[in-house]
Amino acid sequence: MQHKKVFLTNENADMISYKNFESKNSNALQRINMKKIMKKAIKNELTPKQRYCLCEHFLKGRSMKSIARELDLNPSTVTRHIQNALSRLQRVAKYY
């Protein structure tokens, strides 16, 4: 039996959220809400370089060295951008 790949979209995320609310699975609702909060925080709380480095490294799986070469930065600077971005996101997450 072959499984079909399913991607999370805004529509099916809402549907999942509603189904979890219906079943009173609060942990799932908390994860969905945290995901929405983190999306907003990444967009609004990070500098453009922090956002770029974070997304390239974690979402695209690029090495810090390759990001550094592309941006003409020292790899330690890219590491610092990512560490500062994670620190900011952790501070935001503490309030939720």
PDB file of N, CA and C in Angstrom:
ATOM      1  N   MET A   1       0.845  -1.178   0.000  1.00  0.00           N
ATOM      2  CA  MET A   1       0.000   0.000   0.000  1.00  0.00           C
ATOM      3  C   MET A   1       0.887   1.237   0.000  1.00  0.00           C
ATOM      4  N   GLN A   2       0.657   2.113  -0.947  1.00  0.00           N
ATOM      5  CA  GLN A   2       1.451   3.317  -1.072  1.00  0.00           C
ATOM      6  C   GLN A   2       0.739   4.483  -0.381  1.00  0.00           C
ATOM      7  N   HIS A   3       1.505   5.283   0.363  1.00  0.00           N
ATOM      8  CA  HIS A   3       0.930   6.432   1.045  1.00  0.00           C
ATOM      9  C   HIS A   3       1.141   7.687   0.212  1.00  0.00           C
ATOM     10  N   LYS A   4       0.140   8.523   0.199  1.00  0.00           N
ATOM     11  CA  LYS A   4       0.203   9.777  -0.538  1.00  0.00           C
ATOM     12  C   LYS A   4       0.768  10.854   0.387  1.00  0.00           C
ATOM     13  N   LYS A   5       1.645  11.706  -0.135  1.00  0.00           N
ATOM     14  CA  LYS A   5       2.177  12.811   0.650  1.00  0.00           C
ATOM     15  C   LYS A   5       1.079  13.845   0.861  1.00  0.00           C
ATOM     16  N   VAL A   6       0.999  14.352   2.084  1.00  0.00           N
ATOM     17  CA  VAL A   6       0.017  15.364   2.419  1.00  0.00           C
ATOM     18  C   VAL A   6       0.769  16.568   2.969  1.00  0.00           C
ATOM     19  N   PHE A   7       0.442  17.741   2.478  1.00  0.00           N
ATOM     20  CA  PHE A   7       1.098  18.960   2.918  1.00  0.00           C
ATOM     21  C   PHE A   7       0.127  19.798   3.730  1.00  0.00           C
ATOM     22  N   LEU A   8       0.642  20.446   4.750  1.00  0.00           N
ATOM     23  CA  LEU A   8      -0.179  21.287   5.608  1.00  0.00           C
ATOM     24  C   LEU A   8      -0.425  22.621   4.923  1.00  0.00           C
ATOM     25  N   THR A   9      -1.685  22.932   4.711  1.00  0.00           N
ATOM     26  CA  THR A   9      -2.080  24.212   4.131  1.00  0.00           C
ATOM     27  C   THR A   9      -2.921  24.940   5.162  1.00  0.00           C
ATOM     28  N   ASN A  10      -3.231  26.198   4.904  1.00  0.00           N
ATOM     29  CA  ASN A  10      -4.081  26.940   5.830  1.00  0.00           C
ATOM     30  C   ASN A  10      -5.447  26.284   5.974  1.00  0.00           C
ATOM     31  N   GLU A  11      -5.991  25.774   4.859  1.00  0.00           N
ATOM     32  CA  GLU A  11      -7.316  25.161   4.915  1.00  0.00           C
ATOM     33  C   GLU A  11      -7.319  23.879   5.736  1.00  0.00           C
ATOM     34  N   ASN A  12      -6.365  22.975   5.455  1.00  0.00           N
ATOM     35  CA  ASN A  12      -6.418  21.736   6.221  1.00  0.00           C
ATOM     36  C   ASN A  12      -5.920  21.925   7.653  1.00  0.00           C
ATOM     37  N   ALA A  13      -5.113  22.950   7.918  1.00  0.00           N
ATOM     38  CA  ALA A  13      -4.713  23.254   9.290  1.00  0.00           C
ATOM     39  C   ALA A  13      -5.924  23.704  10.094  1.00  0.00           C
ATOM     40  N   ASP A  14      -6.782  24.523   9.471  1.00  0.00           N
ATOM     41  CA  ASP A  14      -8.004  24.940  10.142  1.00  0.00           C
ATOM     42  C   ASP A  14      -8.911  23.754  10.416  1.00  0.00           C
ATOM     43  N   MET A  15      -8.996  22.853   9.464  1.00  0.00           N
ATOM     44  CA  MET A  15      -9.825  21.673   9.625  1.00  0.00           C
ATOM     45  C   MET A  15      -9.285  20.801  10.754  1.00  0.00           C
ATOM     46  N   ILE A  16      -7.971  20.620  10.789  1.00  0.00           N
ATOM     47  CA  ILE A  16      -7.356  19.842  11.861  1.00  0.00           C
ATOM     48  C   ILE A  16      -7.604  20.518  13.197  1.00  0.00           C
ATOM     49  N   SER A  17      -7.449  21.830  13.235  1.00  0.00           N
ATOM     50  CA  SER A  17      -7.681  22.577  14.455  1.00  0.00           C
ATOM     51  C   SER A  17      -9.108  22.376  14.954  1.00  0.00           C
ATOM     52  N   TYR A  18     -10.084  22.442  14.041  1.00  0.00           N
ATOM     53  CA  TYR A  18     -11.481  22.280  14.410  1.00  0.00           C
ATOM     54  C   TYR A  18     -11.743  20.869  14.930  1.00  0.00           C
ATOM     55  N   LYS A  19     -11.195  19.866  14.251  1.00  0.00           N
ATOM     56  CA  LYS A  19     -11.405  18.479  14.679  1.00  0.00           C
ATOM     57  C   LYS A  19     -10.791  18.246  16.059  1.00  0.00           C
ATOM     58  N   ASN A  20      -9.633  18.842  16.313  1.00  0.00           N
ATOM     59  CA  ASN A  20      -9.014  18.688  17.629  1.00  0.00           C
ATOM     60  C   ASN A  20      -9.800  19.432  18.696  1.00  0.00           C
ATOM     61  N   PHE A  21     -10.344  20.581  18.338  1.00  0.00           N
ATOM     62  CA  PHE A  21     -11.167  21.331  19.280  1.00  0.00           C
ATOM     63  C   PHE A  21     -12.405  20.520  19.630  1.00  0.00           C
ATOM     64  N   GLU A  22     -12.983  19.908  18.609  1.00  0.00           N
ATOM     65  CA  GLU A  22     -14.163  19.084  18.796  1.00  0.00           C
ATOM     66  C   GLU A  22     -13.878  17.934  19.762  1.00  0.00           C
ATOM     67  N   SER A  23     -12.701  17.352  19.639  1.00  0.00           N
ATOM     68  CA  SER A  23     -12.361  16.212  20.486  1.00  0.00           C
ATOM     69  C   SER A  23     -11.709  16.662  21.800  1.00  0.00           C
ATOM     70  N   LYS A  24     -11.606  17.945  22.009  1.00  0.00           N
ATOM     71  CA  LYS A  24     -11.044  18.531  23.225  1.00  0.00           C
ATOM     72  C   LYS A  24      -9.601  18.088  23.481  1.00  0.00           C
ATOM     73  N   ASN A  25      -8.841  17.930  22.423  1.00  0.00           N
ATOM     74  CA  ASN A  25      -7.431  17.574  22.526  1.00  0.00           C
ATOM     75  C   ASN A  25      -6.638  18.872  22.648  1.00  0.00           C
ATOM     76  N   SER A  26      -6.525  19.381  23.865  1.00  0.00           N
ATOM     77  CA  SER A  26      -5.951  20.707  24.075  1.00  0.00           C
ATOM     78  C   SER A  26      -4.469  20.774  23.697  1.00  0.00           C
ATOM     79  N   ASN A  27      -3.738  19.683  23.837  1.00  0.00           N
ATOM     80  CA  ASN A  27      -2.331  19.694  23.493  1.00  0.00           C
ATOM     81  C   ASN A  27      -2.142  19.967  21.999  1.00  0.00           C
ATOM     82  N   ALA A  28      -2.976  19.351  21.178  1.00  0.00           N
ATOM     83  CA  ALA A  28      -2.897  19.585  19.736  1.00  0.00           C
ATOM     84  C   ALA A  28      -3.243  21.032  19.413  1.00  0.00           C
ATOM     85  N   LEU A  29      -4.240  21.576  20.091  1.00  0.00           N
ATOM     86  CA  LEU A  29      -4.603  22.978  19.882  1.00  0.00           C
ATOM     87  C   LEU A  29      -3.467  23.909  20.286  1.00  0.00           C
ATOM     88  N   GLN A  30      -2.808  23.578  21.380  1.00  0.00           N
ATOM     89  CA  GLN A  30      -1.681  24.402  21.819  1.00  0.00           C
ATOM     90  C   GLN A  30      -0.559  24.384  20.785  1.00  0.00           C
ATOM     91  N   ARG A  31      -0.296  23.227  20.198  1.00  0.00           N
ATOM     92  CA  ARG A  31       0.751  23.141  19.172  1.00  0.00           C
ATOM     93  C   ARG A  31       0.380  23.966  17.946  1.00  0.00           C
ATOM     94  N   ILE A  32      -0.875  23.903  17.547  1.00  0.00           N
ATOM     95  CA  ILE A  32      -1.331  24.674  16.385  1.00  0.00           C
ATOM     96  C   ILE A  32      -1.218  26.169  16.670  1.00  0.00           C
ATOM     97  N   ASN A  33      -1.636  26.588  17.864  1.00  0.00           N
ATOM     98  CA  ASN A  33      -1.542  28.000  18.230  1.00  0.00           C
ATOM     99  C   ASN A  33      -0.087  28.455  18.303  1.00  0.00           C
ATOM    100  N   MET A  34       0.790  27.612  18.850  1.00  0.00           N
ATOM    101  CA  MET A  34       2.202  27.978  18.940  1.00  0.00           C
ATOM    102  C   MET A  34       2.797  28.104  17.545  1.00  0.00           C
ATOM    103  N   LYS A  35       2.387  27.242  16.628  1.00  0.00           N
ATOM    104  CA  LYS A  35       2.881  27.325  15.253  1.00  0.00           C
ATOM    105  C   LYS A  35       2.497  28.663  14.630  1.00  0.00           C
ATOM    106  N   LYS A  36       1.270  29.104  14.846  1.00  0.00           N
ATOM    107  CA  LYS A  36       0.823  30.397  14.318  1.00  0.00           C
ATOM    108  C   LYS A  36       1.618  31.547  14.942  1.00  0.00           C
ATOM    109  N   ILE A  37       1.846  31.453  16.236  1.00  0.00           N
ATOM    110  CA  ILE A  37       2.605  32.499  16.936  1.00  0.00           C
ATOM    111  C   ILE A  37       4.036  32.560  16.415  1.00  0.00           C
ATOM    112  N   MET A  38       4.656  31.404  16.222  1.00  0.00           N
ATOM    113  CA  MET A  38       6.044  31.367  15.740  1.00  0.00           C
ATOM    114  C   MET A  38       6.149  31.905  14.315  1.00  0.00           C
ATOM    115  N   LYS A  39       5.150  31.618  13.476  1.00  0.00           N
ATOM    116  CA  LYS A  39       5.165  32.177  12.116  1.00  0.00           C
ATOM    117  C   LYS A  39       5.171  33.700  12.170  1.00  0.00           C
ATOM    118  N   LYS A  40       4.312  34.261  13.032  1.00  0.00           N
ATOM    119  CA  LYS A  40       4.260  35.719  13.165  1.00  0.00           C
ATOM    120  C   LYS A  40       5.555  36.269  13.750  1.00  0.00           C
ATOM    121  N   ALA A  41       6.100  35.574  14.731  1.00  0.00           N
ATOM    122  CA  ALA A  41       7.336  36.037  15.363  1.00  0.00           C
ATOM    123  C   ALA A  41       8.504  36.008  14.384  1.00  0.00           C
ATOM    124  N   ILE A  42       8.582  34.967  13.561  1.00  0.00           N
ATOM    125  CA  ILE A  42       9.658  34.891  12.566  1.00  0.00           C
ATOM    126  C   ILE A  42       9.539  36.050  11.595  1.00  0.00           C
ATOM    127  N   LYS A  43       8.319  36.367  11.223  1.00  0.00           N
ATOM    128  CA  LYS A  43       8.097  37.453  10.267  1.00  0.00           C
ATOM    129  C   LYS A  43       8.350  38.834  10.881  1.00  0.00           C
ATOM    130  N   ASN A  44       7.910  39.028  12.123  1.00  0.00           N
ATOM    131  CA  ASN A  44       7.920  40.373  12.706  1.00  0.00           C
ATOM    132  C   ASN A  44       9.030  40.667  13.712  1.00  0.00           C
ATOM    133  N   GLU A  45       9.615  39.649  14.314  1.00  0.00           N
ATOM    134  CA  GLU A  45      10.570  39.889  15.397  1.00  0.00           C
ATOM    135  C   GLU A  45      12.035  39.717  14.992  1.00  0.00           C
ATOM    136  N   LEU A  46      12.270  39.087  13.862  1.00  0.00           N
ATOM    137  CA  LEU A  46      13.655  38.844  13.452  1.00  0.00           C
ATOM    138  C   LEU A  46      14.112  39.865  12.419  1.00  0.00           C
ATOM    139  N   THR A  47      15.410  40.118  12.413  1.00  0.00           N
ATOM    140  CA  THR A  47      15.973  40.974  11.371  1.00  0.00           C
ATOM    141  C   THR A  47      15.954  40.189  10.064  1.00  0.00           C
ATOM    142  N   PRO A  48      16.046  40.866   8.923  1.00  0.00           N
ATOM    143  CA  PRO A  48      16.058  40.130   7.654  1.00  0.00           C
ATOM    144  C   PRO A  48      17.177  39.077   7.566  1.00  0.00           C
ATOM    145  N   LYS A  49      18.368  39.402   8.055  1.00  0.00           N
ATOM    146  CA  LYS A  49      19.474  38.431   8.000  1.00  0.00           C
ATOM    147  C   LYS A  49      19.227  37.254   8.933  1.00  0.00           C
ATOM    148  N   GLN A  50      18.694  37.539  10.118  1.00  0.00           N
ATOM    149  CA  GLN A  50      18.371  36.445  11.043  1.00  0.00           C
ATOM    150  C   GLN A  50      17.343  35.506  10.415  1.00  0.00           C
ATOM    151  N   ARG A  51      16.305  36.094   9.850  1.00  0.00           N
ATOM    152  CA  ARG A  51      15.243  35.304   9.225  1.00  0.00           C
ATOM    153  C   ARG A  51      15.799  34.467   8.070  1.00  0.00           C
ATOM    154  N   TYR A  52      16.614  35.085   7.226  1.00  0.00           N
ATOM    155  CA  TYR A  52      17.176  34.388   6.075  1.00  0.00           C
ATOM    156  C   TYR A  52      18.060  33.230   6.522  1.00  0.00           C
ATOM    157  N   CYS A  53      18.983  33.501   7.433  1.00  0.00           N
ATOM    158  CA  CYS A  53      19.907  32.465   7.899  1.00  0.00           C
ATOM    159  C   CYS A  53      19.152  31.326   8.581  1.00  0.00           C
ATOM    160  N   LEU A  54      18.199  31.657   9.412  1.00  0.00           N
ATOM    161  CA  LEU A  54      17.413  30.652  10.124  1.00  0.00           C
ATOM    162  C   LEU A  54      16.652  29.756   9.147  1.00  0.00           C
ATOM    163  N   CYS A  55      15.961  30.366   8.204  1.00  0.00           N
ATOM    164  CA  CYS A  55      15.172  29.603   7.233  1.00  0.00           C
ATOM    165  C   CYS A  55      16.045  28.771   6.309  1.00  0.00           C
ATOM    166  N   GLU A  56      17.130  29.336   5.838  1.00  0.00           N
ATOM    167  CA  GLU A  56      18.019  28.594   4.948  1.00  0.00           C
ATOM    168  C   GLU A  56      18.624  27.386   5.668  1.00  0.00           C
ATOM    169  N   HIS A  57      19.016  27.583   6.909  1.00  0.00           N
ATOM    170  CA  HIS A  57      19.663  26.504   7.656  1.00  0.00           C
ATOM    171  C   HIS A  57      18.666  25.416   8.067  1.00  0.00           C
ATOM    172  N   PHE A  58      17.556  25.806   8.697  1.00  0.00           N
ATOM    173  CA  PHE A  58      16.637  24.811   9.240  1.00  0.00           C
ATOM    174  C   PHE A  58      15.618  24.297   8.226  1.00  0.00           C
ATOM    175  N   LEU A  59      15.144  25.138   7.344  1.00  0.00           N
ATOM    176  CA  LEU A  59      14.122  24.695   6.396  1.00  0.00           C
ATOM    177  C   LEU A  59      14.707  24.093   5.124  1.00  0.00           C
ATOM    178  N   LYS A  60      15.816  24.635   4.677  1.00  0.00           N
ATOM    179  CA  LYS A  60      16.418  24.119   3.444  1.00  0.00           C
ATOM    180  C   LYS A  60      17.605  23.208   3.706  1.00  0.00           C
ATOM    181  N   GLY A  61      18.035  23.130   4.971  1.00  0.00           N
ATOM    182  CA  GLY A  61      19.115  22.225   5.329  1.00  0.00           C
ATOM    183  C   GLY A  61      20.493  22.647   4.870  1.00  0.00           C
ATOM    184  N   ARG A  62      20.653  23.925   4.595  1.00  0.00           N
ATOM    185  CA  ARG A  62      21.957  24.414   4.134  1.00  0.00           C
ATOM    186  C   ARG A  62      22.924  24.531   5.294  1.00  0.00           C
ATOM    187  N   SER A  63      24.184  24.352   4.993  1.00  0.00           N
ATOM    188  CA  SER A  63      25.209  24.499   6.028  1.00  0.00           C
ATOM    189  C   SER A  63      25.453  25.992   6.277  1.00  0.00           C
ATOM    190  N   MET A  64      25.957  26.273   7.447  1.00  0.00           N
ATOM    191  CA  MET A  64      26.253  27.661   7.795  1.00  0.00           C
ATOM    192  C   MET A  64      27.369  28.205   6.905  1.00  0.00           C
ATOM    193  N   LYS A  65      28.291  27.329   6.517  1.00  0.00           N
ATOM    194  CA  LYS A  65      29.385  27.756   5.630  1.00  0.00           C
ATOM    195  C   LYS A  65      28.862  28.178   4.260  1.00  0.00           C
ATOM    196  N   SER A  66      27.898  27.429   3.721  1.00  0.00           N
ATOM    197  CA  SER A  66      27.388  27.795   2.391  1.00  0.00           C
ATOM    198  C   SER A  66      26.571  29.082   2.453  1.00  0.00           C
ATOM    199  N   ILE A  67      25.851  29.277   3.543  1.00  0.00           N
ATOM    200  CA  ILE A  67      25.100  30.535   3.717  1.00  0.00           C
ATOM    201  C   ILE A  67      26.089  31.690   3.835  1.00  0.00           C
ATOM    202  N   ALA A  68      27.161  31.471   4.599  1.00  0.00           N
ATOM    203  CA  ALA A  68      28.184  32.504   4.789  1.00  0.00           C
ATOM    204  C   ALA A  68      28.827  32.882   3.456  1.00  0.00           C
ATOM    205  N   ARG A  69      29.140  31.871   2.630  1.00  0.00           N
ATOM    206  CA  ARG A  69      29.736  32.169   1.313  1.00  0.00           C
ATOM    207  C   ARG A  69      28.775  33.005   0.467  1.00  0.00           C
ATOM    208  N   GLU A  70      27.507  32.620   0.466  1.00  0.00           N
ATOM    209  CA  GLU A  70      26.526  33.349  -0.338  1.00  0.00           C
ATOM    210  C   GLU A  70      26.399  34.803   0.105  1.00  0.00           C
ATOM    211  N   LEU A  71      26.383  35.039   1.413  1.00  0.00           N
ATOM    212  CA  LEU A  71      26.192  36.388   1.944  1.00  0.00           C
ATOM    213  C   LEU A  71      27.506  37.143   2.123  1.00  0.00           C
ATOM    214  N   ASP A  72      28.617  36.490   1.783  1.00  0.00           N
ATOM    215  CA  ASP A  72      29.948  37.081   1.956  1.00  0.00           C
ATOM    216  C   ASP A  72      30.175  37.473   3.419  1.00  0.00           C
ATOM    217  N   LEU A  73      29.876  36.518   4.304  1.00  0.00           N
ATOM    218  CA  LEU A  73      30.056  36.717   5.735  1.00  0.00           C
ATOM    219  C   LEU A  73      30.956  35.623   6.282  1.00  0.00           C
ATOM    220  N   ASN A  74      31.456  35.833   7.475  1.00  0.00           N
ATOM    221  CA  ASN A  74      32.206  34.820   8.183  1.00  0.00           C
ATOM    222  C   ASN A  74      31.199  33.787   8.694  1.00  0.00           C
ATOM    223  N   PRO A  75      31.516  32.481   8.655  1.00  0.00           N
ATOM    224  CA  PRO A  75      30.582  31.479   9.175  1.00  0.00           C
ATOM    225  C   PRO A  75      30.164  31.721  10.624  1.00  0.00           C
ATOM    226  N   SER A  76      31.057  32.286  11.422  1.00  0.00           N
ATOM    227  CA  SER A  76      30.694  32.568  12.816  1.00  0.00           C
ATOM    228  C   SER A  76      29.620  33.658  12.894  1.00  0.00           C
ATOM    229  N   THR A  77      29.592  34.549  11.919  1.00  0.00           N
ATOM    230  CA  THR A  77      28.550  35.583  11.883  1.00  0.00           C
ATOM    231  C   THR A  77      27.197  34.955  11.573  1.00  0.00           C
ATOM    232  N   VAL A  78      27.173  34.005  10.660  1.00  0.00           N
ATOM    233  CA  VAL A  78      25.929  33.293  10.344  1.00  0.00           C
ATOM    234  C   VAL A  78      25.457  32.528  11.575  1.00  0.00           C
ATOM    235  N   THR A  79      26.383  31.873  12.260  1.00  0.00           N
ATOM    236  CA  THR A  79      26.045  31.157  13.497  1.00  0.00           C
ATOM    237  C   THR A  79      25.440  32.107  14.513  1.00  0.00           C
ATOM    238  N   ARG A  80      26.021  33.283  14.652  1.00  0.00           N
ATOM    239  CA  ARG A  80      25.524  34.277  15.598  1.00  0.00           C
ATOM    240  C   ARG A  80      24.129  34.763  15.210  1.00  0.00           C
ATOM    241  N   HIS A  81      23.899  34.974  13.903  1.00  0.00           N
ATOM    242  CA  HIS A  81      22.557  35.375  13.439  1.00  0.00           C
ATOM    243  C   HIS A  81      21.524  34.310  13.818  1.00  0.00           C
ATOM    244  N   ILE A  82      21.877  33.053  13.628  1.00  0.00           N
ATOM    245  CA  ILE A  82      20.945  31.966  13.946  1.00  0.00           C
ATOM    246  C   ILE A  82      20.727  31.865  15.451  1.00  0.00           C
ATOM    247  N   GLN A  83      21.787  31.968  16.234  1.00  0.00           N
ATOM    248  CA  GLN A  83      21.654  31.904  17.695  1.00  0.00           C
ATOM    249  C   GLN A  83      20.802  33.058  18.221  1.00  0.00           C
ATOM    250  N   ASN A  84      21.019  34.259  17.700  1.00  0.00           N
ATOM    251  CA  ASN A  84      20.216  35.410  18.131  1.00  0.00           C
ATOM    252  C   ASN A  84      18.757  35.249  17.729  1.00  0.00           C
ATOM    253  N   ALA A  85      18.513  34.702  16.545  1.00  0.00           N
ATOM    254  CA  ALA A  85      17.137  34.468  16.091  1.00  0.00           C
ATOM    255  C   ALA A  85      16.446  33.466  17.012  1.00  0.00           C
ATOM    256  N   LEU A  86      17.130  32.373  17.339  1.00  0.00           N
ATOM    257  CA  LEU A  86      16.541  31.369  18.227  1.00  0.00           C
ATOM    258  C   LEU A  86      16.278  31.940  19.614  1.00  0.00           C
ATOM    259  N   SER A  87      17.179  32.773  20.078  1.00  0.00           N
ATOM    260  CA  SER A  87      17.004  33.417  21.382  1.00  0.00           C
ATOM    261  C   SER A  87      15.759  34.306  21.389  1.00  0.00           C
ATOM    262  N   ARG A  88      15.582  35.091  20.327  1.00  0.00           N
ATOM    263  CA  ARG A  88      14.399  35.947  20.228  1.00  0.00           C
ATOM    264  C   ARG A  88      13.122  35.117  20.189  1.00  0.00           C
ATOM    265  N   LEU A  89      13.137  34.038  19.432  1.00  0.00           N
ATOM    266  CA  LEU A  89      11.954  33.190  19.332  1.00  0.00           C
ATOM    267  C   LEU A  89      11.643  32.508  20.666  1.00  0.00           C
ATOM    268  N   GLN A  90      12.674  32.137  21.399  1.00  0.00           N
ATOM    269  CA  GLN A  90      12.452  31.546  22.724  1.00  0.00           C
ATOM    270  C   GLN A  90      11.831  32.548  23.677  1.00  0.00           C
ATOM    271  N   ARG A  91      12.269  33.805  23.586  1.00  0.00           N
ATOM    272  CA  ARG A  91      11.676  34.849  24.451  1.00  0.00           C
ATOM    273  C   ARG A  91      10.200  35.037  24.120  1.00  0.00           C
ATOM    274  N   VAL A  92       9.862  35.039  22.833  1.00  0.00           N
ATOM    275  CA  VAL A  92       8.464  35.169  22.429  1.00  0.00           C
ATOM    276  C   VAL A  92       7.663  33.969  22.932  1.00  0.00           C
ATOM    277  N   ALA A  93       8.202  32.778  22.784  1.00  0.00           N
ATOM    278  CA  ALA A  93       7.485  31.559  23.171  1.00  0.00           C
ATOM    279  C   ALA A  93       7.215  31.509  24.668  1.00  0.00           C
ATOM    280  N   LYS A  94       8.071  32.127  25.478  1.00  0.00           N
ATOM    281  CA  LYS A  94       7.883  32.115  26.926  1.00  0.00           C
ATOM    282  C   LYS A  94       6.547  32.731  27.333  1.00  0.00           C
ATOM    283  N   TYR A  95       6.072  33.702  26.570  1.00  0.00           N
ATOM    284  CA  TYR A  95       4.850  34.405  26.932  1.00  0.00           C
ATOM    285  C   TYR A  95       3.588  33.648  26.520  1.00  0.00           C
ATOM    286  N   TYR A  96       3.749  32.565  25.796  1.00  0.00           N
ATOM    287  CA  TYR A  96       2.597  31.802  25.327  1.00  0.00           C
ATOM    288  C   TYR A  96       2.717  30.404  25.821  1.00  0.00           C
TER     289      TYR A  96
END
